[in-house]
C-alpha atoms as a PDB file:
ATOM      1  CA  MET A   1      -4.834  14.398   8.005  1.00  0.00           C
ATOM      2  CA  ARG A   2      -6.794  16.313   5.371  1.00  0.00           C
ATOM      3  CA  ASP A   3      -9.682  14.320   3.919  1.00  0.00           C
ATOM      4  CA  ASP A   4      -8.460  14.724   0.322  1.00  0.00           C
ATOM      5  CA  GLU A   5      -5.135  13.113   1.256  1.00  0.00           C
ATOM      6  CA  TYR A   6      -6.820   9.734   1.781  1.00  0.00           C
ATOM      7  CA  ARG A   7      -8.010   9.763  -1.823  1.00  0.00           C
ATOM      8  CA  ARG A   8      -4.499  10.702  -2.970  1.00  0.00           C
ATOM      9  CA  ILE A   9      -2.992   7.852  -0.945  1.00  0.00           C
ATOM     10  CA  PHE A  10      -5.569   5.365  -2.233  1.00  0.00           C
ATOM     11  CA  GLU A  11      -4.789   6.267  -5.831  1.00  0.00           C
ATOM     12  CA  ASN A  12      -0.999   6.066  -5.458  1.00  0.00           C
ATOM     13  CA  GLU A  13       0.044   3.625  -2.732  1.00  0.00           C
ATOM     14  CA  GLU A  14       0.165   0.495  -4.873  1.00  0.00           C
ATOM     15  CA  ARG A  15       2.782   1.808  -7.324  1.00  0.00           C
ATOM     16  CA  PHE A  16       4.207   5.046  -5.909  1.00  0.00           C
ATOM     17  CA  TRP A  17       7.944   4.575  -5.318  1.00  0.00           C
ATOM     18  CA  TRP A  18       7.913   5.456  -1.600  1.00  0.00           C
ATOM     19  CA  TYR A  19       5.098   3.090  -0.656  1.00  0.00           C
ATOM     20  CA  GLU A  20       6.356   0.207  -2.771  1.00  0.00           C
ATOM     21  CA  GLY A  21       9.948   0.729  -1.675  1.00  0.00           C
ATOM     22  CA  MET A  22       9.135   0.912   2.033  1.00  0.00           C
ATOM     23  CA  ARG A  23       7.131  -2.304   1.759  1.00  0.00           C
ATOM     24  CA  THR A  24      10.314  -3.916   0.415  1.00  0.00           C
ATOM     25  CA  VAL A  25      12.252  -2.524   3.394  1.00  0.00           C
ATOM     26  CA  THR A  26       9.580  -3.850   5.771  1.00  0.00           C
ATOM     27  CA  ALA A  27       9.761  -7.318   4.241  1.00  0.00           C
ATOM     28  CA  SER A  28      13.558  -7.308   4.513  1.00  0.00           C
ATOM     29  CA  ILE A  29      13.452  -6.666   8.266  1.00  0.00           C
ATOM     30  CA  LEU A  30      10.462  -8.866   9.087  1.00  0.00           C
ATOM     31  CA  ASP A  31      11.636 -11.854   7.049  1.00  0.00           C
ATOM     32  CA  ALA A  32      15.033 -11.833   8.744  1.00  0.00           C
ATOM     33  CA  ARG A  33      13.495 -12.168  12.226  1.00  0.00           C
ATOM     34  CA  LEU A  34      10.196 -14.011  11.959  1.00  0.00           C
ATOM     35  CA  LYS A  35      11.029 -17.660  11.440  1.00  0.00           C
ATOM     36  CA  SER A  36       7.410 -18.647  10.867  1.00  0.00           C
ATOM     37  CA  ASN A  37       4.320 -16.776   9.799  1.00  0.00           C
ATOM     38  CA  PRO A  38       2.282 -15.276  12.652  1.00  0.00           C
ATOM     39  CA  VAL A  39      -1.214 -16.647  13.162  1.00  0.00           C
ATOM     40  CA  ARG A  40      -2.958 -13.366  14.010  1.00  0.00           C
ATOM     41  CA  LEU A  41      -1.816  -9.918  12.940  1.00  0.00           C
ATOM     42  CA  LEU A  42      -3.146  -6.435  13.716  1.00  0.00           C
ATOM     43  CA  ASP A  43      -2.305  -3.420  11.568  1.00  0.00           C
ATOM     44  CA  VAL A  44      -2.759  -0.331  13.759  1.00  0.00           C
ATOM     45  CA  GLY A  45      -3.701   2.759  11.758  1.00  0.00           C
ATOM     46  CA  CYS A  46      -4.329   0.807   8.550  1.00  0.00           C
ATOM     47  CA  GLY A  47      -5.425   3.870   6.558  1.00  0.00           C
ATOM     48  CA  THR A  48      -7.071   3.029   3.245  1.00  0.00           C
ATOM     49  CA  GLY A  49      -6.232  -0.635   3.758  1.00  0.00           C
ATOM     50  CA  TYR A  50      -3.550  -1.504   1.232  1.00  0.00           C
ATOM     51  CA  SER A  51      -1.143  -2.442   4.024  1.00  0.00           C
ATOM     52  CA  ILE A  52      -3.628  -5.167   5.026  1.00  0.00           C
ATOM     53  CA  VAL A  53      -3.840  -6.376   1.416  1.00  0.00           C
ATOM     54  CA  TRP A  54      -0.049  -6.518   1.172  1.00  0.00           C
ATOM     55  CA  LEU A  55       0.435  -8.213   4.557  1.00  0.00           C
ATOM     56  CA  ARG A  56      -2.080 -10.907   3.611  1.00  0.00           C
ATOM     57  CA  LYS A  57      -0.120 -11.655   0.441  1.00  0.00           C
ATOM     58  CA  HIS A  58       3.289 -11.525   2.085  1.00  0.00           C
ATOM     59  CA  LEU A  59       2.406 -13.492   5.236  1.00  0.00           C
ATOM     60  CA  VAL A  60       0.397 -16.349   3.807  1.00  0.00           C
ATOM     61  CA  ASP A  61      -2.229 -18.046   5.988  1.00  0.00           C
ATOM     62  CA  THR A  62      -2.221 -15.168   8.480  1.00  0.00           C
ATOM     63  CA  GLN A  63      -5.428 -13.760   9.951  1.00  0.00           C
ATOM     64  CA  THR A  64      -5.008 -10.031   9.364  1.00  0.00           C
ATOM     65  CA  PHE A  65      -7.042  -7.346  11.114  1.00  0.00           C
ATOM     66  CA  GLY A  66      -6.852  -3.556  11.055  1.00  0.00           C
ATOM     67  CA  ILE A  67      -8.124  -0.457  12.790  1.00  0.00           C
ATOM     68  CA  ASP A  68      -8.139   3.213  11.891  1.00  0.00           C
ATOM     69  CA  SER A  69      -9.824   6.254  13.385  1.00  0.00           C
ATOM     70  CA  SER A  70     -10.713   7.916  10.058  1.00  0.00           C
ATOM     71  CA  PRO A  71     -14.165   7.421   8.471  1.00  0.00           C
ATOM     72  CA  GLN A  72     -12.645   8.826   5.251  1.00  0.00           C
ATOM     73  CA  ALA A  73     -10.065   6.046   5.180  1.00  0.00           C
ATOM     74  CA  ALA A  74     -12.707   3.440   5.998  1.00  0.00           C
ATOM     75  CA  GLU A  75     -14.631   4.307   2.835  1.00  0.00           C
ATOM     76  CA  PHE A  76     -11.893   2.573   0.817  1.00  0.00           C
ATOM     77  CA  TRP A  77     -11.945  -0.720   2.746  1.00  0.00           C
ATOM     78  CA  ARG A  78     -15.002  -1.948   0.871  1.00  0.00           C
ATOM     79  CA  VAL A  79     -13.355  -1.065  -2.459  1.00  0.00           C
ATOM     80  CA  ARG A  80     -10.384  -3.222  -1.492  1.00  0.00           C
ATOM     81  CA  GLY A  81     -12.603  -6.067  -0.256  1.00  0.00           C
ATOM     82  CA  ILE A  82     -11.486  -5.723   3.375  1.00  0.00           C
ATOM     83  CA  ASP A  83     -13.965  -6.980   5.965  1.00  0.00           C
ATOM     84  CA  THR A  84     -11.634  -7.372   8.964  1.00  0.00           C
ATOM     85  CA  ALA A  85     -11.002  -3.684   9.703  1.00  0.00           C
ATOM     86  CA  GLY A  86     -12.919  -1.362  11.996  1.00  0.00           C
ATOM     87  CA  LEU A  87     -13.043   2.207  13.223  1.00  0.00           C
ATOM     88  CA  ALA A  88     -11.254   2.686  16.537  1.00  0.00           C
ATOM     89  CA  SER A  89      -8.715   4.907  18.244  1.00  0.00           C
ATOM     90  CA  VAL A  90      -5.130   3.674  18.246  1.00  0.00           C
ATOM     91  CA  ASP A  91      -4.781   4.491  21.953  1.00  0.00           C
ATOM     92  CA  ARG A  92      -7.929   2.490  22.841  1.00  0.00           C
ATOM     93  CA  LEU A  93      -7.721  -0.740  20.856  1.00  0.00           C
ATOM     94  CA  PRO A  94     -11.012  -2.706  20.803  1.00  0.00           C
ATOM     95  CA  PHE A  95      -9.375  -6.068  21.522  1.00  0.00           C
ATOM     96  CA  GLY A  96      -8.701  -8.157  24.583  1.00  0.00           C
ATOM     97  CA  ASP A  97      -5.293  -8.857  26.082  1.00  0.00           C
ATOM     98  CA  ILE A  98      -2.747 -11.145  24.344  1.00  0.00           C
ATOM     99  CA  GLU A  99      -4.715 -11.678  21.131  1.00  0.00           C
ATOM    100  CA  PHE A 100      -2.065 -11.127  18.429  1.00  0.00           C
ATOM    101  CA  ASP A 101       1.279 -12.570  17.360  1.00  0.00           C
ATOM    102  CA  LEU A 102       2.353  -9.500  15.373  1.00  0.00           C
ATOM    103  CA  VAL A 103       1.297  -5.844  15.402  1.00  0.00           C
ATOM    104  CA  THR A 104       2.342  -3.475  12.609  1.00  0.00           C
ATOM    105  CA  CYS A 105       2.215   0.307  12.827  1.00  0.00           C
ATOM    106  CA  PHE A 106       3.226   2.206   9.697  1.00  0.00           C
ATOM    107  CA  ASP A 107       3.590   5.968  10.238  1.00  0.00           C
ATOM    108  CA  VAL A 108       0.811   6.461  12.772  1.00  0.00           C
ATOM    109  CA  ILE A 109       1.845   7.739  16.205  1.00  0.00           C
ATOM    110  CA  TYR A 110       3.636  10.758  14.727  1.00  0.00           C
ATOM    111  CA  GLN A 111       0.139  12.223  14.260  1.00  0.00           C
ATOM    112  CA  LEU A 112      -0.517  12.036  18.023  1.00  0.00           C
ATOM    113  CA  ASP A 113       0.507  14.251  20.918  1.00  0.00           C
ATOM    114  CA  ASP A 114       2.909  12.756  23.454  1.00  0.00           C
ATOM    115  CA  LYS A 115       0.413  11.225  25.887  1.00  0.00           C
ATOM    116  CA  PRO A 116      -1.812   9.491  23.282  1.00  0.00           C
ATOM    117  CA  ALA A 117       1.302   8.281  21.449  1.00  0.00           C
ATOM    118  CA  TRP A 118       2.647   6.591  24.580  1.00  0.00           C
ATOM    119  CA  GLU A 119      -0.802   5.160  25.342  1.00  0.00           C
ATOM    120  CA  ALA A 120      -1.003   3.764  21.815  1.00  0.00           C
ATOM    121  CA  VAL A 121       2.300   1.911  22.186  1.00  0.00           C
ATOM    122  CA  HIS A 122       1.160   0.557  25.577  1.00  0.00           C
ATOM    123  CA  GLU A 123      -2.022  -0.687  23.888  1.00  0.00           C
ATOM    124  CA  MET A 124      -0.020  -2.449  21.195  1.00  0.00           C
ATOM    125  CA  ASN A 125       1.916  -4.201  23.933  1.00  0.00           C
ATOM    126  CA  ARG A 126      -1.289  -5.158  25.738  1.00  0.00           C
ATOM    127  CA  VAL A 127      -2.885  -6.921  22.761  1.00  0.00           C
ATOM    128  CA  LEU A 128       0.290  -8.847  21.870  1.00  0.00           C
ATOM    129  CA  LYS A 129       0.950 -12.344  23.142  1.00  0.00           C
ATOM    130  CA  PRO A 130       4.102 -12.832  25.225  1.00  0.00           C
ATOM    131  CA  GLY A 131       6.980 -13.060  22.767  1.00  0.00           C
ATOM    132  CA  GLY A 132       4.906 -11.357  20.063  1.00  0.00           C
ATOM    133  CA  PHE A 133       6.443  -8.715  17.809  1.00  0.00           C
ATOM    134  CA  LEU A 134       5.716  -5.073  17.040  1.00  0.00           C
ATOM    135  CA  PHE A 135       7.002  -3.587  13.788  1.00  0.00           C
ATOM    136  CA  ILE A 136       6.804   0.206  13.933  1.00  0.00           C
ATOM    137  CA  ARG A 137       7.925   2.868  11.465  1.00  0.00           C
ATOM    138  CA  GLU A 138       7.710   6.639  11.982  1.00  0.00           C
ATOM    139  CA  PRO A 139       9.037   9.794  10.237  1.00  0.00           C
ATOM    140  CA  ALA A 140      12.410  10.949  11.520  1.00  0.00           C
ATOM    141  CA  TYR A 141      13.779  14.283  12.779  1.00  0.00           C
ATOM    142  CA  GLU A 142      11.741  17.319  13.754  1.00  0.00           C
ATOM    143  CA  TRP A 143      14.024  19.540  11.665  1.00  0.00           C
ATOM    144  CA  MET A 144      12.944  17.630   8.524  1.00  0.00           C
ATOM    145  CA  ARG A 145       9.444  19.098   8.679  1.00  0.00           C
ATOM    146  CA  GLY A 146       8.024  20.378   5.398  1.00  0.00           C
ATOM    147  CA  ALA A 147       4.771  21.140   3.604  1.00  0.00           C
ATOM    148  CA  HIS A 148       3.907  17.430   3.626  1.00  0.00           C
ATOM    149  CA  ASP A 149       3.825  17.468   7.427  1.00  0.00           C
ATOM    150  CA  LEU A 150       1.253  20.259   7.400  1.00  0.00           C
ATOM    151  CA  VAL A 151      -0.994  18.305   5.044  1.00  0.00           C
ATOM    152  CA  ILE A 152      -0.889  15.056   7.007  1.00  0.00           C
ATOM    153  CA  GLY A 153      -1.030  16.597  10.480  1.00  0.00           C
ATOM    154  CA  THR A 154       2.395  15.706  11.859  1.00  0.00           C
ATOM    155  CA  ARG A 155       2.680  16.283  15.612  1.00  0.00           C
ATOM    156  CA  HIS A 156       6.141  14.855  16.193  1.00  0.00           C
ATOM    157  CA  ARG A 157       8.906  13.316  14.076  1.00  0.00           C
ATOM    158  CA  TYR A 158      10.958  10.784  16.026  1.00  0.00           C
ATOM    159  CA  THR A 159      14.630  10.089  16.526  1.00  0.00           C
ATOM    160  CA  HIS A 160      16.071   6.613  16.900  1.00  0.00           C
ATOM    161  CA  THR A 161      16.679   7.266  20.610  1.00  0.00           C
ATOM    162  CA  GLU A 162      13.142   8.534  21.273  1.00  0.00           C
ATOM    163  CA  LEU A 163      11.475   5.565  19.607  1.00  0.00           C
ATOM    164  CA  ARG A 164      13.657   3.017  21.403  1.00  0.00           C
ATOM    165  CA  ARG A 165      12.991   4.685  24.765  1.00  0.00           C
ATOM    166  CA  MET A 166       9.238   4.667  24.167  1.00  0.00           C
ATOM    167  CA  LEU A 167       9.280   0.974  23.299  1.00  0.00           C
ATOM    168  CA  ARG A 168      11.383  -0.040  26.283  1.00  0.00           C
ATOM    169  CA  ASN A 169       9.242   1.962  28.691  1.00  0.00           C
ATOM    170  CA  SER A 170       6.165   0.216  27.276  1.00  0.00           C
ATOM    171  CA  GLY A 171       7.405  -3.297  28.017  1.00  0.00           C
ATOM    172  CA  PHE A 172       9.232  -4.159  24.803  1.00  0.00           C
ATOM    173  CA  LYS A 173      12.702  -5.464  24.072  1.00  0.00           C
ATOM    174  CA  VAL A 174      14.073  -3.791  20.939  1.00  0.00           C
ATOM    175  CA  VAL A 175      15.277  -6.573  18.646  1.00  0.00           C
ATOM    176  CA  ARG A 176      16.267  -4.418  15.673  1.00  0.00           C
ATOM    177  CA  SER A 177      16.186  -0.680  15.033  1.00  0.00           C
ATOM    178  CA  THR A 178      17.488   1.440  12.185  1.00  0.00           C
ATOM    179  CA  TYR A 179      16.886   4.493  10.107  1.00  0.00           C
ATOM    180  CA  ALA A 180      15.715   3.994   6.521  1.00  0.00           C
ATOM    181  CA  ASN A 181      15.259   5.968   3.303  1.00  0.00           C
ATOM    182  CA  THR A 182      18.881   6.965   3.727  1.00  0.00           C
ATOM    183  CA  LEU A 183      20.259   6.954   0.175  1.00  0.00           C
ATOM    184  CA  LEU A 184      17.784   9.700  -0.794  1.00  0.00           C
ATOM    185  CA  PHE A 185      18.178  11.626   2.457  1.00  0.00           C
ATOM    186  CA  TRP A 186      20.056  14.679   1.171  1.00  0.00           C
ATOM    187  CA  MET A 187      17.839  15.061  -1.879  1.00  0.00           C
ATOM    188  CA  ALA A 188      14.766  14.922   0.373  1.00  0.00           C
ATOM    189  CA  GLY A 189      16.304  17.437   2.770  1.00  0.00           C
ATOM    190  CA  PHE A 190      16.866  19.884  -0.078  1.00  0.00           C
ATOM    191  CA  HIS A 191      13.274  19.370  -1.230  1.00  0.00           C
ATOM    192  CA  ARG A 192      11.929  20.030   2.275  1.00  0.00           C
ATOM    193  CA  MET A 193      14.030  23.186   2.603  1.00  0.00           C
ATOM    194  CA  LEU A 194      12.706  24.521  -0.697  1.00  0.00           C
ATOM    195  CA  SER A 195       9.122  23.717   0.269  1.00  0.00           C
ATOM    196  CA  ARG A 196       9.502  25.776   3.447  1.00  0.00           C
ATOM    197  CA  LEU A 197      11.054  28.697   1.577  1.00  0.00           C
ATOM    198  CA  ARG A 198       8.273  28.665  -1.023  1.00  0.00           C
ATOM    199  CA  GLY A 199       5.556  28.334   1.609  1.00  0.00           C
ATOM    200  CA  ALA A 200       4.276  25.239  -0.174  1.00  0.00           C
ATOM    201  CA  SER A 201       1.179  23.447   1.096  1.00  0.00           C
ATOM    202  CA  GLU A 202       1.177  20.264  -0.995  1.00  0.00           C
ATOM    203  CA  SER A 203       1.624  16.621  -0.096  1.00  0.00           C
ATOM    204  CA  ASP A 204       4.736  14.736  -1.213  1.00  0.00           C
ATOM    205  CA  VAL A 205       2.455  12.026  -2.607  1.00  0.00           C
ATOM    206  CA  GLN A 206       2.359  13.367  -6.154  1.00  0.00           C
ATOM    207  CA  PRO A 207       2.591  11.383  -9.417  1.00  0.00           C
ATOM    208  CA  VAL A 208       6.044  11.504 -11.035  1.00  0.00           C
ATOM    209  CA  PRO A 209       7.264  10.347 -14.470  1.00  0.00           C
ATOM    210  CA  ASP A 210       7.721   6.578 -14.720  1.00  0.00           C
ATOM    211  CA  TRP A 211      11.493   6.782 -15.066  1.00  0.00           C
ATOM    212  CA  VAL A 212      11.728   8.902 -11.912  1.00  0.00           C
ATOM    213  CA  ASN A 213       9.438   6.529 -10.039  1.00  0.00           C
ATOM    214  CA  ARG A 214      11.555   3.525 -11.103  1.00  0.00           C
ATOM    215  CA  SER A 215      14.828   5.229 -10.171  1.00  0.00           C
ATOM    216  CA  LEU A 216      13.663   6.230  -6.695  1.00  0.00           C
ATOM    217  CA  LEU A 217      12.177   2.780  -6.138  1.00  0.00           C
ATOM    218  CA  LYS A 218      15.504   1.139  -7.010  1.00  0.00           C
ATOM    219  CA  ALA A 219      17.217   3.213  -4.296  1.00  0.00           C
ATOM    220  CA  LEU A 220      14.830   1.839  -1.661  1.00  0.00           C
ATOM    221  CA  GLN A 221      15.108  -1.687  -3.035  1.00  0.00           C
ATOM    222  CA  LEU A 222      18.886  -1.412  -2.660  1.00  0.00           C
ATOM    223  CA  GLU A 223      18.410  -0.254   0.922  1.00  0.00           C
ATOM    224  CA  ALA A 224      16.229  -3.290   1.600  1.00  0.00           C
ATOM    225  CA  VAL A 225      19.089  -5.548   0.517  1.00  0.00           C
ATOM    226  CA  LEU A 226      21.647  -3.617   2.579  1.00  0.00           C
ATOM    227  CA  LEU A 227      19.433  -3.651   5.678  1.00  0.00           C
ATOM    228  CA  ARG A 228      19.751  -7.432   5.840  1.00  0.00           C
ATOM    229  CA  ARG A 229      23.362  -6.859   6.917  1.00  0.00           C
ATOM    230  CA  ILE A 230      23.798  -3.287   8.170  1.00  0.00           C
ATOM    231  CA  THR A 231      22.030  -0.566  10.159  1.00  0.00           C
ATOM    232  CA  PHE A 232      21.759   2.982   8.826  1.00  0.00           C
ATOM    233  CA  PRO A 233      22.795   5.820  11.196  1.00  0.00           C
ATOM    234  CA  PHE A 234      20.355   8.363   9.704  1.00  0.00           C
ATOM    235  CA  GLY A 235      17.416   8.532   7.299  1.00  0.00           C
ATOM    236  CA  LEU A 236      13.962   9.926   6.639  1.00  0.00           C
ATOM    237  CA  SER A 237      12.250   7.147   8.618  1.00  0.00           C
ATOM    238  CA  VAL A 238      13.064   5.351  11.849  1.00  0.00           C
ATOM    239  CA  ILE A 239      12.104   1.688  12.176  1.00  0.00           C
ATOM    240  CA  ALA A 240      12.065  -0.736  15.086  1.00  0.00           C
ATOM    241  CA  LEU A 241      11.178  -4.372  15.499  1.00  0.00           C
ATOM    242  CA  ALA A 242      10.404  -5.006  19.168  1.00  0.00           C
ATOM    243  CA  GLN A 243       9.357  -8.090  21.128  1.00  0.00           C
ATOM    244  CA  LYS A 244       6.971  -8.202  24.060  1.00  0.00           C
ATOM    245  CA  THR A 245       8.907  -9.345  27.109  1.00  0.00           C
END
């Protein structure tokens, strides 16, 4: 990922519609399955750290740790008051076996080639306690590539089938899997097509007028409600909640 993108993320991820909306989707899926708060949680690829801040608020009394491989991202941990994150590679986690009850991974392994991506998922399994959960979310569909993927260094966008196969082959039982960001799918597809035609080289994380931000956020908040009862057959993201067997 380009260094300037971390600053852009830091400045927008608390209120930008996509980040706020996907946190609502995450809560919808996690809350439906986790009957009690986990004791120890690891956020793999925590970026600038707001995911840790949010997880601490949402899962009260949880010890929350994070790792990321980017020194640029780590510069923002101190600003957010995070002292439980460290620099490390996602495919070589600096923890012992069976240390965590829950591992989260928000849009991380898509930036890795095949072998490191598989190794990263194996590592997440290794550090989980038996019966522990992994919540993972990745961008969907290779054909949905756009200028944003160039900026953030996308190596592979996943399908539902690919992600489930990776999890099962790494020792997980898939408890729940679905696509998400579905209601805005066709609008996003049109935007990606235009960005390719124009030869654009900008990130999708760009400020928008408040009324646009609110409208797009409401679409994701509606999805979060629907996902308590249904599974989406397509979308911009693919999500899985898996349990260590």
